[in-house]
N, C-alpha and C. Protein backbone atom coordinates (compact mmCIF):
# COMPACT_ATOMS: atom_id res chain seq x y z
N MET A 1 -10.73 25.29 -15.98
CA MET A 1 -10.68 23.92 -16.47
C MET A 1 -9.80 23.07 -15.56
N ARG A 2 -10.25 21.88 -15.29
CA ARG A 2 -9.51 20.94 -14.46
C ARG A 2 -8.35 20.34 -15.22
N LYS A 3 -7.21 20.18 -14.53
CA LYS A 3 -6.07 19.55 -15.16
C LYS A 3 -6.32 18.06 -15.34
N THR A 4 -5.82 17.49 -16.44
CA THR A 4 -6.00 16.06 -16.65
C THR A 4 -5.09 15.28 -15.71
N LYS A 5 -5.58 14.14 -15.29
CA LYS A 5 -4.85 13.27 -14.37
C LYS A 5 -4.28 12.10 -15.16
N ASN A 6 -2.97 11.95 -15.11
CA ASN A 6 -2.25 10.95 -15.88
C ASN A 6 -2.28 9.61 -15.16
N LYS A 7 -2.70 8.56 -15.86
CA LYS A 7 -2.80 7.22 -15.27
C LYS A 7 -1.43 6.66 -14.88
N THR A 8 -0.42 6.89 -15.70
CA THR A 8 0.91 6.37 -15.40
C THR A 8 1.46 7.03 -14.14
N LEU A 9 1.31 8.33 -14.02
CA LEU A 9 1.79 9.03 -12.82
C LEU A 9 1.04 8.57 -11.59
N ALA A 10 -0.27 8.38 -11.70
CA ALA A 10 -1.05 7.91 -10.56
C ALA A 10 -0.63 6.50 -10.15
N THR A 11 -0.30 5.66 -11.12
CA THR A 11 0.16 4.30 -10.83
C THR A 11 1.45 4.34 -10.03
N TRP A 12 2.39 5.14 -10.48
CA TRP A 12 3.67 5.23 -9.79
C TRP A 12 3.55 5.92 -8.44
N LEU A 13 2.67 6.90 -8.33
CA LEU A 13 2.45 7.55 -7.03
C LEU A 13 1.83 6.57 -6.04
N ALA A 14 0.92 5.73 -6.51
CA ALA A 14 0.33 4.72 -5.64
C ALA A 14 1.38 3.71 -5.20
N LEU A 15 2.28 3.36 -6.09
CA LEU A 15 3.32 2.39 -5.76
C LEU A 15 4.34 2.97 -4.79
N LEU A 16 4.87 4.14 -5.09
CA LEU A 16 5.97 4.70 -4.30
C LEU A 16 5.51 5.55 -3.12
N GLY A 17 4.39 6.23 -3.26
CA GLY A 17 3.93 7.10 -2.19
C GLY A 17 2.57 6.73 -1.65
N GLY A 18 2.11 5.55 -2.02
CA GLY A 18 0.78 5.10 -1.59
C GLY A 18 0.59 5.01 -0.10
N PRO A 19 1.56 4.50 0.66
CA PRO A 19 1.38 4.43 2.11
C PRO A 19 1.21 5.81 2.76
N LEU A 20 1.56 6.85 2.04
CA LEU A 20 1.36 8.22 2.54
C LEU A 20 0.15 8.90 1.91
N GLY A 21 -0.53 8.23 0.99
CA GLY A 21 -1.72 8.76 0.36
C GLY A 21 -1.45 9.73 -0.77
N LEU A 22 -0.24 9.75 -1.32
CA LEU A 22 0.09 10.72 -2.36
C LEU A 22 -0.78 10.57 -3.61
N HIS A 23 -1.12 9.33 -3.97
CA HIS A 23 -1.96 9.13 -5.15
C HIS A 23 -3.36 9.71 -4.94
N ARG A 24 -3.87 9.63 -3.73
CA ARG A 24 -5.19 10.19 -3.43
C ARG A 24 -5.16 11.71 -3.55
N PHE A 25 -4.09 12.33 -3.05
CA PHE A 25 -3.98 13.78 -3.14
C PHE A 25 -3.82 14.23 -4.59
N TYR A 26 -3.09 13.44 -5.38
CA TYR A 26 -2.93 13.77 -6.79
C TYR A 26 -4.27 13.71 -7.52
N LEU A 27 -5.04 12.68 -7.25
CA LEU A 27 -6.29 12.48 -7.99
C LEU A 27 -7.46 13.28 -7.44
N ARG A 28 -7.51 13.47 -6.13
CA ARG A 28 -8.70 14.09 -5.53
C ARG A 28 -8.42 15.39 -4.79
N GLY A 29 -7.18 15.78 -4.66
CA GLY A 29 -6.84 17.03 -3.99
C GLY A 29 -6.55 16.85 -2.51
N LEU A 30 -6.09 17.92 -1.89
CA LEU A 30 -5.71 17.87 -0.48
C LEU A 30 -6.89 17.75 0.47
N GLY A 31 -8.10 17.94 -0.01
CA GLY A 31 -9.28 17.81 0.83
C GLY A 31 -9.79 16.39 0.98
N ASP A 32 -9.09 15.41 0.42
CA ASP A 32 -9.52 14.02 0.46
C ASP A 32 -9.26 13.42 1.84
N LEU A 33 -10.32 13.06 2.55
CA LEU A 33 -10.18 12.50 3.90
C LEU A 33 -9.42 11.19 3.90
N TRP A 34 -9.72 10.30 2.95
CA TRP A 34 -9.02 9.01 2.89
C TRP A 34 -7.53 9.19 2.66
N GLY A 35 -7.16 10.19 1.89
CA GLY A 35 -5.75 10.48 1.67
C GLY A 35 -5.04 10.82 2.96
N TRP A 36 -5.72 11.54 3.84
CA TRP A 36 -5.12 11.90 5.13
C TRP A 36 -5.11 10.73 6.10
N LEU A 37 -5.95 9.72 5.89
CA LEU A 37 -5.96 8.55 6.77
C LEU A 37 -4.93 7.49 6.37
N TYR A 38 -4.46 7.53 5.14
CA TYR A 38 -3.49 6.54 4.67
C TYR A 38 -2.22 6.47 5.53
N PRO A 39 -1.65 7.58 5.98
CA PRO A 39 -0.41 7.50 6.76
C PRO A 39 -0.58 6.87 8.14
N LEU A 40 -1.80 6.75 8.64
CA LEU A 40 -2.00 6.21 9.99
C LEU A 40 -1.49 4.77 10.15
N PRO A 41 -1.93 3.80 9.34
CA PRO A 41 -1.38 2.45 9.51
C PRO A 41 0.10 2.38 9.17
N THR A 42 0.55 3.23 8.27
CA THR A 42 1.97 3.26 7.95
C THR A 42 2.77 3.70 9.16
N ALA A 43 2.33 4.75 9.82
CA ALA A 43 3.03 5.24 11.01
C ALA A 43 2.98 4.22 12.14
N LEU A 44 1.84 3.56 12.31
CA LEU A 44 1.74 2.53 13.36
C LEU A 44 2.69 1.37 13.07
N GLY A 45 2.80 0.97 11.81
CA GLY A 45 3.73 -0.09 11.45
C GLY A 45 5.18 0.30 11.69
N LEU A 46 5.51 1.54 11.36
CA LEU A 46 6.88 2.02 11.64
C LEU A 46 7.14 2.09 13.13
N TYR A 47 6.11 2.44 13.90
CA TYR A 47 6.25 2.43 15.36
C TYR A 47 6.48 1.00 15.86
N GLY A 48 5.84 0.02 15.23
CA GLY A 48 6.07 -1.38 15.60
C GLY A 48 7.51 -1.79 15.35
N ILE A 49 8.09 -1.33 14.25
CA ILE A 49 9.51 -1.61 13.98
C ILE A 49 10.39 -0.96 15.04
N GLU A 50 10.04 0.26 15.42
CA GLU A 50 10.81 0.95 16.47
C GLU A 50 10.71 0.20 17.80
N ARG A 51 9.53 -0.35 18.10
CA ARG A 51 9.36 -1.11 19.34
C ARG A 51 10.22 -2.38 19.34
N VAL A 52 10.33 -3.02 18.18
CA VAL A 52 11.19 -4.21 18.10
C VAL A 52 12.63 -3.83 18.38
N GLN A 53 13.06 -2.70 17.87
CA GLN A 53 14.43 -2.26 18.10
C GLN A 53 14.66 -1.90 19.56
N GLN A 54 13.65 -1.37 20.23
CA GLN A 54 13.79 -0.98 21.63
C GLN A 54 13.64 -2.16 22.58
N PHE A 55 12.59 -2.98 22.38
CA PHE A 55 12.23 -4.01 23.34
C PHE A 55 12.53 -5.43 22.89
N GLY A 56 13.01 -5.61 21.69
CA GLY A 56 13.32 -6.95 21.19
C GLY A 56 12.13 -7.60 20.51
N GLN A 57 12.36 -8.81 20.03
CA GLN A 57 11.33 -9.50 19.25
C GLN A 57 10.21 -10.08 20.10
N ASP A 58 10.35 -10.05 21.41
CA ASP A 58 9.30 -10.59 22.27
C ASP A 58 8.22 -9.58 22.59
N ASP A 59 8.28 -8.40 22.02
CA ASP A 59 7.29 -7.37 22.27
C ASP A 59 6.00 -7.71 21.51
N HIS A 60 4.93 -7.93 22.27
CA HIS A 60 3.67 -8.36 21.66
C HIS A 60 3.03 -7.26 20.81
N TRP A 61 3.17 -6.00 21.19
CA TRP A 61 2.60 -4.92 20.41
C TRP A 61 3.21 -4.84 19.02
N SER A 62 4.50 -5.09 18.95
CA SER A 62 5.15 -5.03 17.63
C SER A 62 4.62 -6.10 16.70
N TRP A 63 4.22 -7.24 17.25
CA TRP A 63 3.66 -8.31 16.42
C TRP A 63 2.40 -7.85 15.72
N MET A 64 1.65 -6.99 16.38
CA MET A 64 0.40 -6.51 15.79
C MET A 64 0.61 -5.27 14.93
N LEU A 65 1.62 -4.46 15.27
CA LEU A 65 1.80 -3.20 14.56
C LEU A 65 2.57 -3.34 13.25
N ILE A 66 3.58 -4.18 13.24
CA ILE A 66 4.42 -4.32 12.03
C ILE A 66 3.60 -4.78 10.82
N PRO A 67 2.69 -5.73 10.97
CA PRO A 67 1.89 -6.12 9.79
C PRO A 67 1.06 -4.98 9.21
N LEU A 68 0.73 -3.96 10.00
CA LEU A 68 0.00 -2.82 9.46
C LEU A 68 0.81 -2.12 8.38
N LEU A 69 2.11 -2.04 8.58
CA LEU A 69 2.98 -1.44 7.56
C LEU A 69 2.95 -2.30 6.30
N GLY A 70 3.06 -3.61 6.48
CA GLY A 70 3.01 -4.51 5.32
C GLY A 70 1.70 -4.43 4.58
N VAL A 71 0.60 -4.39 5.30
CA VAL A 71 -0.71 -4.30 4.66
C VAL A 71 -0.87 -2.96 3.96
N SER A 72 -0.35 -1.90 4.57
CA SER A 72 -0.42 -0.57 3.96
C SER A 72 0.35 -0.54 2.63
N ILE A 73 1.53 -1.11 2.62
CA ILE A 73 2.33 -1.15 1.39
C ILE A 73 1.66 -2.05 0.35
N ALA A 74 1.16 -3.21 0.79
CA ALA A 74 0.50 -4.14 -0.13
C ALA A 74 -0.78 -3.53 -0.71
N ALA A 75 -1.55 -2.81 0.11
CA ALA A 75 -2.76 -2.17 -0.39
C ALA A 75 -2.43 -1.07 -1.40
N SER A 76 -1.35 -0.36 -1.17
CA SER A 76 -0.93 0.67 -2.12
C SER A 76 -0.48 0.04 -3.43
N ALA A 77 0.20 -1.10 -3.33
CA ALA A 77 0.61 -1.80 -4.55
C ALA A 77 -0.61 -2.31 -5.32
N LEU A 78 -1.60 -2.81 -4.60
CA LEU A 78 -2.84 -3.25 -5.26
C LEU A 78 -3.53 -2.08 -5.93
N THR A 79 -3.54 -0.94 -5.28
CA THR A 79 -4.13 0.26 -5.89
C THR A 79 -3.39 0.64 -7.16
N ALA A 80 -2.06 0.54 -7.14
CA ALA A 80 -1.27 0.84 -8.34
C ALA A 80 -1.64 -0.11 -9.47
N ILE A 81 -1.84 -1.38 -9.15
CA ILE A 81 -2.22 -2.36 -10.17
C ILE A 81 -3.60 -2.02 -10.75
N VAL A 82 -4.54 -1.69 -9.88
CA VAL A 82 -5.89 -1.34 -10.33
C VAL A 82 -5.87 -0.10 -11.21
N TYR A 83 -5.11 0.91 -10.80
CA TYR A 83 -5.01 2.12 -11.62
C TYR A 83 -4.38 1.80 -12.98
N GLY A 84 -3.31 1.04 -12.97
CA GLY A 84 -2.60 0.75 -14.21
C GLY A 84 -3.40 -0.09 -15.19
N LEU A 85 -4.25 -0.97 -14.68
CA LEU A 85 -5.03 -1.85 -15.54
C LEU A 85 -6.37 -1.26 -15.98
N ARG A 86 -6.72 -0.12 -15.45
CA ARG A 86 -7.99 0.51 -15.83
C ARG A 86 -7.94 0.95 -17.29
N THR A 87 -9.02 0.71 -18.00
CA THR A 87 -9.07 1.10 -19.41
C THR A 87 -9.04 2.62 -19.53
N PRO A 88 -8.53 3.14 -20.66
CA PRO A 88 -8.50 4.60 -20.83
C PRO A 88 -9.89 5.24 -20.73
N GLU A 89 -10.89 4.55 -21.23
CA GLU A 89 -12.25 5.10 -21.17
C GLU A 89 -12.72 5.25 -19.72
N LYS A 90 -12.51 4.21 -18.93
CA LYS A 90 -12.92 4.27 -17.52
C LYS A 90 -12.07 5.28 -16.74
N TRP A 91 -10.76 5.33 -17.04
CA TRP A 91 -9.88 6.29 -16.36
C TRP A 91 -10.33 7.72 -16.63
N ASN A 92 -10.53 8.03 -17.90
CA ASN A 92 -10.91 9.39 -18.25
C ASN A 92 -12.31 9.74 -17.76
N ALA A 93 -13.20 8.76 -17.73
CA ALA A 93 -14.54 9.02 -17.19
C ALA A 93 -14.49 9.33 -15.70
N ALA A 94 -13.57 8.70 -14.99
CA ALA A 94 -13.48 8.90 -13.54
C ALA A 94 -12.68 10.14 -13.17
N PHE A 95 -11.56 10.39 -13.85
CA PHE A 95 -10.64 11.43 -13.40
C PHE A 95 -10.44 12.57 -14.39
N ASN A 96 -10.84 12.40 -15.62
CA ASN A 96 -10.70 13.44 -16.64
C ASN A 96 -12.05 13.62 -17.34
N THR A 97 -13.03 14.08 -16.60
CA THR A 97 -14.39 14.15 -17.13
C THR A 97 -14.54 15.10 -18.31
N ALA A 98 -13.70 16.13 -18.38
CA ALA A 98 -13.80 17.08 -19.48
C ALA A 98 -13.09 16.58 -20.74
N ALA A 99 -12.27 15.55 -20.61
CA ALA A 99 -11.50 15.04 -21.74
C ALA A 99 -12.29 13.99 -22.51
N ALA A 100 -11.83 13.73 -23.71
CA ALA A 100 -12.44 12.68 -24.53
C ALA A 100 -12.15 11.32 -23.90
N PRO A 101 -13.00 10.32 -24.14
CA PRO A 101 -12.77 9.00 -23.55
C PRO A 101 -11.42 8.38 -23.93
N GLU A 102 -10.90 8.72 -25.11
CA GLU A 102 -9.63 8.16 -25.54
C GLU A 102 -8.46 9.13 -25.32
N ALA A 103 -8.60 10.08 -24.42
CA ALA A 103 -7.56 11.08 -24.17
C ALA A 103 -6.26 10.40 -23.74
N PRO A 104 -5.11 10.97 -24.14
CA PRO A 104 -3.82 10.34 -23.85
C PRO A 104 -3.52 10.19 -22.37
N ALA A 105 -4.12 11.02 -21.51
CA ALA A 105 -3.83 10.94 -20.07
C ALA A 105 -4.24 9.59 -19.48
N GLY A 106 -5.20 8.92 -20.08
CA GLY A 106 -5.66 7.64 -19.57
C GLY A 106 -5.06 6.45 -20.27
N SER A 107 -4.14 6.69 -21.19
CA SER A 107 -3.58 5.58 -21.96
C SER A 107 -2.52 4.82 -21.17
N THR A 108 -2.31 3.58 -21.59
CA THR A 108 -1.32 2.72 -20.98
C THR A 108 -0.09 2.67 -21.88
N ASN A 109 1.09 2.79 -21.27
CA ASN A 109 2.34 2.67 -22.03
C ASN A 109 3.28 1.75 -21.27
N TRP A 110 4.51 1.63 -21.75
CA TRP A 110 5.46 0.71 -21.12
C TRP A 110 5.81 1.12 -19.70
N VAL A 111 5.85 2.41 -19.43
CA VAL A 111 6.15 2.87 -18.07
C VAL A 111 5.02 2.44 -17.12
N THR A 112 3.79 2.47 -17.61
CA THR A 112 2.66 2.01 -16.80
C THR A 112 2.78 0.51 -16.54
N VAL A 113 3.12 -0.25 -17.57
CA VAL A 113 3.24 -1.70 -17.43
C VAL A 113 4.37 -2.06 -16.47
N ILE A 114 5.48 -1.34 -16.54
CA ILE A 114 6.58 -1.58 -15.59
C ILE A 114 6.13 -1.26 -14.18
N GLY A 115 5.34 -0.20 -14.01
CA GLY A 115 4.79 0.13 -12.70
C GLY A 115 3.87 -0.96 -12.17
N ILE A 116 3.06 -1.53 -13.04
CA ILE A 116 2.17 -2.62 -12.63
C ILE A 116 2.99 -3.83 -12.19
N ALA A 117 4.01 -4.19 -12.97
CA ALA A 117 4.85 -5.34 -12.64
C ALA A 117 5.59 -5.10 -11.32
N ALA A 118 6.12 -3.90 -11.13
CA ALA A 118 6.82 -3.59 -9.88
C ALA A 118 5.86 -3.64 -8.70
N ALA A 119 4.64 -3.16 -8.89
CA ALA A 119 3.65 -3.20 -7.83
C ALA A 119 3.30 -4.64 -7.47
N LEU A 120 3.19 -5.49 -8.48
CA LEU A 120 2.89 -6.90 -8.22
C LEU A 120 4.01 -7.56 -7.42
N LEU A 121 5.24 -7.31 -7.80
CA LEU A 121 6.38 -7.89 -7.09
C LEU A 121 6.49 -7.35 -5.67
N LEU A 122 6.44 -6.04 -5.53
CA LEU A 122 6.59 -5.43 -4.21
C LEU A 122 5.44 -5.79 -3.29
N GLY A 123 4.23 -5.67 -3.77
CA GLY A 123 3.07 -5.96 -2.95
C GLY A 123 3.03 -7.39 -2.46
N THR A 124 3.30 -8.32 -3.36
CA THR A 124 3.30 -9.73 -2.98
C THR A 124 4.40 -10.03 -1.96
N GLY A 125 5.59 -9.52 -2.22
CA GLY A 125 6.71 -9.76 -1.30
C GLY A 125 6.47 -9.20 0.08
N VAL A 126 5.99 -7.98 0.14
CA VAL A 126 5.76 -7.33 1.43
C VAL A 126 4.62 -8.00 2.19
N LEU A 127 3.56 -8.33 1.50
CA LEU A 127 2.44 -8.99 2.17
C LEU A 127 2.85 -10.36 2.72
N MET A 128 3.56 -11.13 1.94
CA MET A 128 4.00 -12.45 2.41
C MET A 128 4.98 -12.33 3.58
N ALA A 129 5.88 -11.36 3.51
CA ALA A 129 6.85 -11.18 4.60
C ALA A 129 6.16 -10.76 5.89
N SER A 130 5.19 -9.86 5.80
CA SER A 130 4.51 -9.41 7.02
C SER A 130 3.65 -10.53 7.60
N LEU A 131 3.01 -11.31 6.75
CA LEU A 131 2.24 -12.45 7.27
C LEU A 131 3.15 -13.50 7.90
N ALA A 132 4.27 -13.78 7.26
CA ALA A 132 5.21 -14.76 7.82
C ALA A 132 5.73 -14.30 9.17
N PHE A 133 6.07 -13.01 9.29
CA PHE A 133 6.55 -12.49 10.56
C PHE A 133 5.49 -12.65 11.65
N SER A 134 4.27 -12.26 11.34
CA SER A 134 3.20 -12.33 12.33
C SER A 134 2.92 -13.76 12.78
N PHE A 135 2.80 -14.65 11.82
CA PHE A 135 2.51 -16.04 12.17
C PHE A 135 3.66 -16.69 12.92
N GLN A 136 4.88 -16.39 12.52
CA GLN A 136 6.03 -16.96 13.21
C GLN A 136 6.05 -16.52 14.67
N ARG A 137 5.88 -15.23 14.91
CA ARG A 137 5.90 -14.73 16.28
C ARG A 137 4.72 -15.30 17.07
N TYR A 138 3.58 -15.41 16.47
CA TYR A 138 2.41 -15.94 17.17
C TYR A 138 2.64 -17.40 17.57
N PHE A 139 3.13 -18.22 16.66
CA PHE A 139 3.33 -19.63 16.97
C PHE A 139 4.47 -19.84 17.95
N GLU A 140 5.50 -19.02 17.87
CA GLU A 140 6.58 -19.11 18.88
C GLU A 140 6.03 -18.78 20.26
N TYR A 141 5.18 -17.80 20.33
CA TYR A 141 4.56 -17.42 21.60
C TYR A 141 3.71 -18.57 22.12
N GLN A 142 2.94 -19.21 21.25
CA GLN A 142 2.10 -20.34 21.67
C GLN A 142 2.94 -21.49 22.20
N ILE A 143 4.06 -21.76 21.55
CA ILE A 143 4.95 -22.84 22.01
C ILE A 143 5.53 -22.50 23.38
N GLU A 144 5.94 -21.26 23.57
CA GLU A 144 6.48 -20.85 24.88
C GLU A 144 5.44 -20.98 25.97
N GLU A 145 4.22 -20.59 25.68
CA GLU A 145 3.15 -20.70 26.67
C GLU A 145 2.84 -22.16 26.97
N ALA A 146 2.87 -23.01 25.96
CA ALA A 146 2.61 -24.45 26.18
C ALA A 146 3.72 -25.07 27.03
N ARG A 147 4.95 -24.63 26.84
CA ARG A 147 6.06 -25.14 27.67
C ARG A 147 5.88 -24.72 29.13
N LYS A 148 5.43 -23.49 29.34
CA LYS A 148 5.20 -23.02 30.71
C LYS A 148 4.12 -23.84 31.39
N ILE A 149 3.07 -24.18 30.65
CA ILE A 149 1.97 -24.95 31.22
C ILE A 149 2.43 -26.37 31.55
N SER A 150 3.25 -26.95 30.68
CA SER A 150 3.65 -28.34 30.87
C SER A 150 4.68 -28.51 31.99
N GLN A 151 5.30 -27.43 32.42
CA GLN A 151 6.31 -27.57 33.50
C GLN A 151 5.74 -27.39 34.86
């Protein structure tokens, strides 16, 4: 018999370990290809942060790599929100097929709601910060290039 998958745990795993694919491994097992691909943009984003520390803020590669980390975290937060808001019937139909539609593993409680709220706050903040960083660096670069042309 398959073990039941708890919606609250999956929500928190998506929030805290989503950039590493932990929620995918919990729900679908270690054979999940998408779960193994989740760490790739996360690692590239962390590499972008390392490049900024090594080469400074004028490194063009870091401008493209750092937002990948932000998008990875924001996508994981969105996944946590989707998991947390799923009805018990839909949750159990998808992940607990042997259980009754109203099984407790798919129910929503206060810990789930707190996870949804935290995911909303974290995801929004990280996405806005990564977009602001990218656009700021891009427009500063454009201004520098325009100054070079005008001189």
